[in-house]
C-alpha atoms as a PDB file:
ATOM      1  CA  PHE A   1       0.000   0.000   0.000  1.00  0.00           C
ATOM      2  CA  SER A   2       1.080   3.586  -0.564  1.00  0.00           C
ATOM      3  CA  ASN A   3       1.488   6.092   2.253  1.00  0.00           C
ATOM      4  CA  VAL A   4      -1.657   7.862   3.427  1.00  0.00           C
ATOM      5  CA  LEU A   5      -1.882  11.495   4.508  1.00  0.00           C
ATOM      6  CA  TYR A   6      -4.994  12.999   6.015  1.00  0.00           C
ATOM      7  CA  GLU A   7      -5.541  16.476   7.387  1.00  0.00           C
ATOM      8  CA  MET A   8      -7.901  17.799  10.038  1.00  0.00           C
ATOM      9  CA  PHE A   9      -8.895  21.444   9.958  1.00  0.00           C
ATOM     10  CA  LYS A  10     -11.231  23.824  11.717  1.00  0.00           C
ATOM     11  CA  ILE A  11     -14.641  24.643  10.232  1.00  0.00           C
ATOM     12  CA  ASP A  12     -17.293  27.167  11.244  1.00  0.00           C
ATOM     13  CA  SER A  13     -20.197  24.714  11.305  1.00  0.00           C
ATOM     14  CA  ARG A  14     -21.469  23.705  14.747  1.00  0.00           C
ATOM     15  CA  LYS A  15     -23.535  20.773  13.504  1.00  0.00           C
ATOM     16  CA  TYR A  16     -21.068  18.247  14.865  1.00  0.00           C
ATOM     17  CA  PHE A  17     -19.657  20.434  17.636  1.00  0.00           C
ATOM     18  CA  ALA A  18     -18.304  18.229  20.421  1.00  0.00           C
ATOM     19  CA  TYR A  19     -15.254  19.802  22.052  1.00  0.00           C
ATOM     20  CA  GLN A  20     -15.267  23.153  23.833  1.00  0.00           C
ATOM     21  CA  ASN A  21     -12.639  23.025  26.582  1.00  0.00           C
ATOM     22  CA  PRO A  22      -9.174  24.644  26.249  1.00  0.00           C
ATOM     23  CA  MET A  23      -7.821  21.136  25.757  1.00  0.00           C
ATOM     24  CA  ASP A  24      -9.696  17.943  24.822  1.00  0.00           C
ATOM     25  CA  ARG A  25      -8.474  14.454  23.991  1.00  0.00           C
ATOM     26  CA  ASP A  26     -10.131  12.873  20.969  1.00  0.00           C
ATOM     27  CA  THR A  27     -12.569  10.197  22.164  1.00  0.00           C
ATOM     28  CA  TRP A  28     -14.197   9.421  18.813  1.00  0.00           C
ATOM     29  CA  THR A  29     -13.877   5.655  18.485  1.00  0.00           C
ATOM     30  CA  GLN A  30     -14.741   5.311  14.802  1.00  0.00           C
ATOM     31  CA  PRO A  31     -12.142   5.458  12.020  1.00  0.00           C
ATOM     32  CA  ARG A  32     -11.171   8.775  10.476  1.00  0.00           C
ATOM     33  CA  GLY A  33     -10.517   6.935   7.250  1.00  0.00           C
ATOM     34  CA  TYR A  34      -9.819   3.517   5.824  1.00  0.00           C
ATOM     35  CA  ILE A  35      -8.535   1.589   2.847  1.00  0.00           C
ATOM     36  CA  ALA A  36     -11.128  -0.655   1.203  1.00  0.00           C
ATOM     37  CA  PHE A  37     -10.825  -3.391  -1.401  1.00  0.00           C
ATOM     38  CA  LYS A  38     -13.262  -2.737  -4.241  1.00  0.00           C
ATOM     39  CA  GLY A  39     -14.339  -5.216  -6.881  1.00  0.00           C
ATOM     40  CA  PRO A  40     -17.192  -7.157  -8.524  1.00  0.00           C
ATOM     41  CA  GLY A  41     -19.263  -9.123  -6.059  1.00  0.00           C
ATOM     42  CA  LEU A  42     -18.125  -7.064  -3.074  1.00  0.00           C
ATOM     43  CA  ILE A  43     -20.336  -4.594  -1.264  1.00  0.00           C
ATOM     44  CA  THR A  44     -17.452  -2.136  -1.528  1.00  0.00           C
ATOM     45  CA  GLU A  45     -18.077  -1.997  -5.295  1.00  0.00           C
ATOM     46  CA  ARG A  46     -20.577   0.749  -4.433  1.00  0.00           C
ATOM     47  CA  ILE A  47     -17.813   3.034  -3.162  1.00  0.00           C
ATOM     48  CA  LYS A  48     -17.220   5.997  -5.455  1.00  0.00           C
ATOM     49  CA  ALA A  49     -14.916   8.992  -5.361  1.00  0.00           C
ATOM     50  CA  GLY A  50     -16.352  11.854  -3.345  1.00  0.00           C
ATOM     51  CA  LEU A  51     -18.611   9.829  -1.047  1.00  0.00           C
ATOM     52  CA  ASP A  52     -18.730  11.028   2.562  1.00  0.00           C
ATOM     53  CA  HIS A  53     -17.655   8.400   5.077  1.00  0.00           C
ATOM     54  CA  ALA A  54     -20.144   9.899   7.558  1.00  0.00           C
ATOM     55  CA  SER A  55     -22.958   8.290   5.565  1.00  0.00           C
ATOM     56  CA  ASP A  56     -21.277   5.857   3.150  1.00  0.00           C
ATOM     57  CA  TYR A  57     -19.146   3.090   4.618  1.00  0.00           C
ATOM     58  CA  TYR A  58     -19.869   0.030   2.525  1.00  0.00           C
ATOM     59  CA  GLY A  59     -18.322  -3.176   3.751  1.00  0.00           C
ATOM     60  CA  TRP A  60     -17.705  -1.989   7.293  1.00  0.00           C
ATOM     61  CA  PRO A  61     -15.630  -3.548   8.629  1.00  0.00           C
ATOM     62  CA  SER A  62     -15.327  -6.815   6.718  1.00  0.00           C
ATOM     63  CA  TYR A  63     -13.569  -5.422   3.646  1.00  0.00           C
ATOM     64  CA  TRP A  64     -11.225  -2.919   5.258  1.00  0.00           C
ATOM     65  CA  PRO A  65      -7.638  -4.158   5.247  1.00  0.00           C
ATOM     66  CA  GLY A  66      -6.477  -0.910   6.827  1.00  0.00           C
ATOM     67  CA  ALA A  67      -7.930   1.976   8.816  1.00  0.00           C
ATOM     68  CA  TRP A  68      -6.634   4.844  10.899  1.00  0.00           C
ATOM     69  CA  SER A  69      -8.037   6.566  13.938  1.00  0.00           C
ATOM     70  CA  THR A  70      -7.298   9.498  16.245  1.00  0.00           C
ATOM     71  CA  TYR A  71      -8.920   7.875  19.279  1.00  0.00           C
ATOM     72  CA  ASN A  72      -6.984   8.770  22.444  1.00  0.00           C
ATOM     73  CA  SER A  73      -3.953   9.788  20.360  1.00  0.00           C
ATOM     74  CA  VAL A  74      -4.853  13.367  19.390  1.00  0.00           C
ATOM     75  CA  THR A  75      -5.475  16.308  21.692  1.00  0.00           C
ATOM     76  CA  TYR A  76      -7.318  19.387  20.479  1.00  0.00           C
ATOM     77  CA  VAL A  77      -6.048  22.675  21.901  1.00  0.00           C
ATOM     78  CA  ARG A  78      -7.877  25.996  21.786  1.00  0.00           C
ATOM     79  CA  GLY A  79      -6.099  29.287  22.314  1.00  0.00           C
ATOM     80  CA  ALA A  80      -4.416  32.240  20.651  1.00  0.00           C
ATOM     81  CA  LEU A  81      -1.945  30.959  18.073  1.00  0.00           C
ATOM     82  CA  CYS A  82       0.898  32.223  15.896  1.00  0.00           C
ATOM     83  CA  LYS A  83       1.840  31.607  12.289  1.00  0.00           C
ATOM     84  CA  ILE A  84       5.024  32.032  10.278  1.00  0.00           C
ATOM     85  CA  THR A  85       4.610  34.959   7.888  1.00  0.00           C
ATOM     86  CA  ASP A  86       8.086  35.638   6.538  1.00  0.00           C
ATOM     87  CA  TYR A  87      11.112  33.425   6.150  1.00  0.00           C
ATOM     88  CA  PRO A  88      13.949  33.050   3.645  1.00  0.00           C
ATOM     89  CA  ALA A  89      13.525  30.476   0.896  1.00  0.00           C
ATOM     90  CA  ILE A  90      17.303  30.162   0.562  1.00  0.00           C
ATOM     91  CA  VAL A  91      20.142  31.138   2.899  1.00  0.00           C
ATOM     92  CA  LYS A  92      23.453  31.237   1.043  1.00  0.00           C
ATOM     93  CA  ILE A  93      26.546  30.659   3.146  1.00  0.00           C
ATOM     94  CA  PRO A  94      29.738  31.942   1.447  1.00  0.00           C
ATOM     95  CA  PRO A  95      32.347  29.358   0.390  1.00  0.00           C
ATOM     96  CA  VAL A  96      35.182  28.845   2.837  1.00  0.00           C
ATOM     97  CA  ALA A  97      38.507  26.990   2.721  1.00  0.00           C
ATOM     98  CA  VAL A  98      38.895  23.638   4.456  1.00  0.00           C
ATOM     99  CA  GLY A  99      41.891  24.967   6.391  1.00  0.00           C
ATOM    100  CA  ILE A 100      39.870  27.802   7.902  1.00  0.00           C
ATOM    101  CA  LEU A 101      37.154  25.458   9.134  1.00  0.00           C
ATOM    102  CA  ALA A 102      39.676  22.923  10.430  1.00  0.00           C
ATOM    103  CA  ALA A 103      41.363  25.717  12.393  1.00  0.00           C
ATOM    104  CA  GLY A 104      38.117  26.634  14.128  1.00  0.00           C
ATOM    105  CA  GLY A 105      36.881  29.284  11.712  1.00  0.00           C
ATOM    106  CA  ASN A 106      33.461  29.505  10.131  1.00  0.00           C
ATOM    107  CA  SER A 107      31.396  30.973   7.331  1.00  0.00           C
ATOM    108  CA  GLN A 108      28.131  32.657   8.281  1.00  0.00           C
ATOM    109  CA  ALA A 109      24.959  34.078   6.784  1.00  0.00           C
ATOM    110  CA  PRO A 110      22.208  35.975   8.644  1.00  0.00           C
ATOM    111  CA  PHE A 111      18.483  35.414   8.160  1.00  0.00           C
ATOM    112  CA  HIS A 112      15.276  36.400   9.907  1.00  0.00           C
ATOM    113  CA  VAL A 113      11.882  34.872  10.574  1.00  0.00           C
ATOM    114  CA  SER A 114       8.659  36.803  11.228  1.00  0.00           C
ATOM    115  CA  LEU A 115       5.537  35.655  13.065  1.00  0.00           C
ATOM    116  CA  GLU A 116       2.012  36.926  13.452  1.00  0.00           C
ATOM    117  CA  CYS A 117       0.370  36.067  16.766  1.00  0.00           C
ATOM    118  CA  GLU A 118      -3.155  36.544  17.986  1.00  0.00           C
ATOM    119  CA  SER A 119      -3.327  38.856  20.984  1.00  0.00           C
ATOM    120  CA  GLY A 120      -3.050  36.818  24.155  1.00  0.00           C
ATOM    121  CA  ALA A 121      -0.866  34.059  22.733  1.00  0.00           C
ATOM    122  CA  VAL A 122       1.190  32.462  25.519  1.00  0.00           C
ATOM    123  CA  SER A 123       4.908  32.043  24.818  1.00  0.00           C
ATOM    124  CA  SER A 124       6.277  28.868  26.414  1.00  0.00           C
ATOM    125  CA  ALA A 125       7.889  25.576  25.440  1.00  0.00           C
ATOM    126  CA  LEU A 126       6.532  23.804  28.506  1.00  0.00           C
ATOM    127  CA  PRO A 127       3.641  21.320  28.403  1.00  0.00           C
ATOM    128  CA  SER A 128       0.371  22.473  29.938  1.00  0.00           C
ATOM    129  CA  THR A 129      -3.178  21.212  30.341  1.00  0.00           C
ATOM    130  CA  SER A 130      -4.543  24.605  31.377  1.00  0.00           C
ATOM    131  CA  ALA A 131      -2.887  27.031  28.940  1.00  0.00           C
ATOM    132  CA  ALA A 132      -2.390  26.962  25.183  1.00  0.00           C
ATOM    133  CA  ASN A 133       1.370  27.477  25.243  1.00  0.00           C
ATOM    134  CA  VAL A 134       2.910  28.396  21.889  1.00  0.00           C
ATOM    135  CA  ALA A 135       6.480  27.524  20.937  1.00  0.00           C
ATOM    136  CA  MET A 136       8.553  27.767  17.796  1.00  0.00           C
ATOM    137  CA  GLY A 137      11.461  25.803  16.450  1.00  0.00           C
ATOM    138  CA  PHE A 138      13.377  24.724  13.379  1.00  0.00           C
ATOM    139  CA  VAL A 139      12.728  21.233  12.026  1.00  0.00           C
ATOM    140  CA  VAL A 140      15.397  19.263  10.185  1.00  0.00           C
ATOM    141  CA  ASN A 141      12.903  17.956   7.648  1.00  0.00           C
ATOM    142  CA  GLN A 142      15.155  15.554   5.751  1.00  0.00           C
ATOM    143  CA  PRO A 143      15.273  12.091   7.393  1.00  0.00           C
ATOM    144  CA  THR A 144      18.723  11.406   5.952  1.00  0.00           C
ATOM    145  CA  ALA A 145      20.129  14.510   7.656  1.00  0.00           C
ATOM    146  CA  VAL A 146      18.500  13.529  10.947  1.00  0.00           C
ATOM    147  CA  ALA A 147      19.925  10.014  10.691  1.00  0.00           C
ATOM    148  CA  ALA A 148      23.421  11.333   9.906  1.00  0.00           C
ATOM    149  CA  ALA A 149      23.365  13.661  12.920  1.00  0.00           C
ATOM    150  CA  ARG A 150      22.294  10.799  15.154  1.00  0.00           C
ATOM    151  CA  ARG A 151      25.074   8.566  13.830  1.00  0.00           C
ATOM    152  CA  LEU A 152      27.610  11.234  14.787  1.00  0.00           C
ATOM    153  CA  GLY A 153      26.074  11.687  18.210  1.00  0.00           C
ATOM    154  CA  LEU A 154      25.006  15.285  17.535  1.00  0.00           C
ATOM    155  CA  THR A 155      21.945  14.986  19.740  1.00  0.00           C
ATOM    156  CA  THR A 156      20.670  16.285  23.061  1.00  0.00           C
ATOM    157  CA  SER A 157      19.297  14.420  26.061  1.00  0.00           C
ATOM    158  CA  ALA A 158      15.755  14.960  24.727  1.00  0.00           C
ATOM    159  CA  GLY A 159      16.561  13.840  21.198  1.00  0.00           C
ATOM    160  CA  GLY A 160      17.015  17.301  19.691  1.00  0.00           C
ATOM    161  CA  LEU A 161      19.776  17.943  17.171  1.00  0.00           C
ATOM    162  CA  SER A 162      22.639  20.352  17.783  1.00  0.00           C
ATOM    163  CA  TRP A 163      23.765  20.467  14.132  1.00  0.00           C
ATOM    164  CA  LEU A 164      22.144  20.640  10.712  1.00  0.00           C
ATOM    165  CA  LEU A 165      23.899  18.330   8.251  1.00  0.00           C
ATOM    166  CA  ASP A 166      23.795  18.065   4.487  1.00  0.00           C
ATOM    167  CA  THR A 167      20.837  16.098   3.155  1.00  0.00           C
ATOM    168  CA  HIS A 168      23.328  13.692   1.525  1.00  0.00           C
ATOM    169  CA  TYR A 169      26.010  13.768   4.200  1.00  0.00           C
ATOM    170  CA  GLY A 170      28.577  11.022   3.667  1.00  0.00           C
ATOM    171  CA  GLU A 171      28.046  10.714  -0.083  1.00  0.00           C
ATOM    172  CA  PRO A 172      30.716  11.487  -2.719  1.00  0.00           C
ATOM    173  CA  GLY A 173      31.132  15.185  -3.482  1.00  0.00           C
ATOM    174  CA  VAL A 174      29.533  16.278  -0.219  1.00  0.00           C
ATOM    175  CA  ALA A 175      31.678  18.006   2.400  1.00  0.00           C
ATOM    176  CA  SER A 176      32.239  15.914   5.505  1.00  0.00           C
ATOM    177  CA  GLY A 177      33.275  16.809   9.004  1.00  0.00           C
ATOM    178  CA  VAL A 178      31.268  20.031   8.774  1.00  0.00           C
ATOM    179  CA  GLY A 179      27.759  21.101   9.620  1.00  0.00           C
ATOM    180  CA  ILE A 180      25.604  24.138  10.196  1.00  0.00           C
ATOM    181  CA  ARG A 181      24.771  25.582  13.581  1.00  0.00           C
ATOM    182  CA  ILE A 182      21.901  28.020  14.052  1.00  0.00           C
ATOM    183  CA  TYR A 183      22.458  30.933  16.449  1.00  0.00           C
ATOM    184  CA  ASN A 184      19.902  33.337  17.907  1.00  0.00           C
ATOM    185  CA  ASP A 185      20.427  37.100  17.998  1.00  0.00           C
ATOM    186  CA  ALA A 186      22.410  36.779  21.234  1.00  0.00           C
ATOM    187  CA  GLY A 187      24.897  34.447  19.563  1.00  0.00           C
ATOM    188  CA  THR A 188      23.683  31.380  21.439  1.00  0.00           C
ATOM    189  CA  PRO A 189      23.362  28.132  19.458  1.00  0.00           C
ATOM    190  CA  ILE A 190      19.858  26.690  19.434  1.00  0.00           C
ATOM    191  CA  ASN A 191      18.822  23.067  19.215  1.00  0.00           C
ATOM    192  CA  LEU A 192      16.900  21.779  16.227  1.00  0.00           C
ATOM    193  CA  LEU A 193      13.831  19.575  16.062  1.00  0.00           C
ATOM    194  CA  PRO A 194      14.210  16.116  14.482  1.00  0.00           C
ATOM    195  CA  ASP A 195      10.445  16.055  13.849  1.00  0.00           C
ATOM    196  CA  ARG A 196       7.195  17.690  14.984  1.00  0.00           C
ATOM    197  CA  ILE A 197       5.787  14.644  16.734  1.00  0.00           C
ATOM    198  CA  LYS A 198       6.815  15.438  20.313  1.00  0.00           C
ATOM    199  CA  THR A 199       5.717  18.756  21.810  1.00  0.00           C
ATOM    200  CA  GLY A 200       6.094  20.110  25.326  1.00  0.00           C
ATOM    201  CA  THR A 201       9.666  18.804  25.450  1.00  0.00           C
ATOM    202  CA  GLY A 202      11.415  22.164  25.861  1.00  0.00           C
ATOM    203  CA  ASN A 203      14.648  23.623  24.536  1.00  0.00           C
ATOM    204  CA  ALA A 204      16.512  20.317  24.671  1.00  0.00           C
ATOM    205  CA  ARG A 205      14.241  18.931  21.969  1.00  0.00           C
ATOM    206  CA  GLY A 206      14.308  22.141  19.923  1.00  0.00           C
ATOM    207  CA  TRP A 207      11.156  23.958  21.113  1.00  0.00           C
ATOM    208  CA  TYR A 208      11.427  27.548  22.329  1.00  0.00           C
ATOM    209  CA  GLY A 209       8.808  29.981  23.544  1.00  0.00           C
ATOM    210  CA  TYR A 210       8.325  32.210  20.513  1.00  0.00           C
ATOM    211  CA  LYS A 211       9.202  35.330  22.542  1.00  0.00           C
ATOM    212  CA  ASP A 212      12.515  33.705  23.496  1.00  0.00           C
ATOM    213  CA  LEU A 213      13.636  33.851  19.864  1.00  0.00           C
ATOM    214  CA  THR A 214      11.796  36.901  18.549  1.00  0.00           C
ATOM    215  CA  THR A 215      11.011  40.520  19.424  1.00  0.00           C
ATOM    216  CA  ARG A 216       7.637  42.220  19.069  1.00  0.00           C
ATOM    217  CA  VAL A 217       7.634  44.850  16.332  1.00  0.00           C
ATOM    218  CA  SER A 218       3.923  45.754  16.259  1.00  0.00           C
ATOM    219  CA  SER A 219       0.877  45.236  18.470  1.00  0.00           C
ATOM    220  CA  GLY A 220      -2.901  45.129  18.228  1.00  0.00           C
ATOM    221  CA  SER A 221      -5.433  42.333  17.813  1.00  0.00           C
ATOM    222  CA  VAL A 222      -2.649  40.667  15.824  1.00  0.00           C
ATOM    223  CA  GLU A 223       0.933  41.146  16.969  1.00  0.00           C
ATOM    224  CA  THR A 224       4.009  40.857  14.765  1.00  0.00           C
ATOM    225  CA  TYR A 225       7.284  39.379  15.980  1.00  0.00           C
ATOM    226  CA  SER A 226      10.635  39.142  14.213  1.00  0.00           C
ATOM    227  CA  GLY A 227      13.697  37.092  15.050  1.00  0.00           C
ATOM    228  CA  ASP A 228      17.239  37.388  13.715  1.00  0.00           C
ATOM    229  CA  PHE A 229      19.315  34.255  13.301  1.00  0.00           C
ATOM    230  CA  THR A 230      22.669  33.197  11.906  1.00  0.00           C
ATOM    231  CA  ALA A 231      23.488  30.051   9.949  1.00  0.00           C
ATOM    232  CA  SER A 232      27.118  29.173  10.616  1.00  0.00           C
ATOM    233  CA  LEU A 233      29.105  26.532   8.724  1.00  0.00           C
ATOM    234  CA  GLU A 234      31.629  25.028  11.120  1.00  0.00           C
ATOM    235  CA  ALA A 235      33.822  21.991  11.647  1.00  0.00           C
ATOM    236  CA  ILE A 236      32.336  19.234  13.787  1.00  0.00           C
ATOM    237  CA  GLY A 237      34.542  18.321  16.715  1.00  0.00           C
ATOM    238  CA  GLY A 238      36.346  15.010  16.339  1.00  0.00           C
ATOM    239  CA  GLN A 239      35.658  14.780  12.593  1.00  0.00           C
ATOM    240  CA  THR A 240      38.026  15.201   9.644  1.00  0.00           C
ATOM    241  CA  VAL A 241      37.057  18.098   7.396  1.00  0.00           C
ATOM    242  CA  THR A 242      36.951  17.372   3.657  1.00  0.00           C
ATOM    243  CA  ALA A 243      36.005  19.657   0.784  1.00  0.00           C
ATOM    244  CA  GLY A 244      32.677  19.449  -1.000  1.00  0.00           C
ATOM    245  CA  SER A 245      29.228  20.953  -1.286  1.00  0.00           C
ATOM    246  CA  VAL A 246      26.825  21.612   1.585  1.00  0.00           C
ATOM    247  CA  ASN A 247      23.095  21.702   0.925  1.00  0.00           C
ATOM    248  CA  ALA A 248      20.787  21.390   3.918  1.00  0.00           C
ATOM    249  CA  GLN A 249      17.119  22.017   4.625  1.00  0.00           C
ATOM    250  CA  LEU A 250      15.425  23.479   7.678  1.00  0.00           C
ATOM    251  CA  GLN A 251      11.786  24.438   8.302  1.00  0.00           C
ATOM    252  CA  ALA A 252      10.574  27.111  10.752  1.00  0.00           C
ATOM    253  CA  VAL A 253       7.452  26.003  12.650  1.00  0.00           C
ATOM    254  CA  VAL A 254       5.149  27.124  15.475  1.00  0.00           C
ATOM    255  CA  SER A 255       2.901  24.845  17.493  1.00  0.00           C
ATOM    256  CA  PHE A 256       0.817  24.532  20.630  1.00  0.00           C
ATOM    257  CA  GLN A 257       2.608  22.626  23.370  1.00  0.00           C
END
């Protein structure tokens, strides 16, 4: 079977309104979706594209080889939230000689990220069942880069990553023994998220209260925040530096905790 992606989103309709607390765990026991075999002689032959599972579920459950559910595994949070509004598509770090990196030097490039937050958004990377804490972070969104960092032990106690590596680290033509560190505007290196699965895990995982990394530049019903960062290409301690290209990917994200 191929991979399946489904998305849940907020709607205005109150017809099926069920959750109203600041935080609710999903207790809907029925599937959110399923894979069904369809063919002559099967009741699932009646399934057509566009049918709504709320009223059309032919074959349930005899002909469903796979289904997925959010029962007791998803928590809905209500509160003032933030969104990323401005970020660089590409950050170009100037070329640098192997000798400079091996001697402890670096090559750097600045970039900034802007957020828009609803008034009243709570900035915190801590887990909470009473407040809708909002945190931001940078996700290393290439599994190969995450795996390479883990192989080199570039991780924190909570599983965060301290370095961003090339998407093809270790392959021919790719620089080795070097990686990218991300610094905040105070010059402090920040940890990076290996994924977005675990929230409420704090700085060690790569989550930071959004106000810890940004500064408010405008206020009102919607507030704007901007953060300055530096991408720094450096030698990784204990590794031999070799020449080559460096091409890495990072995604700025915000999320309830």
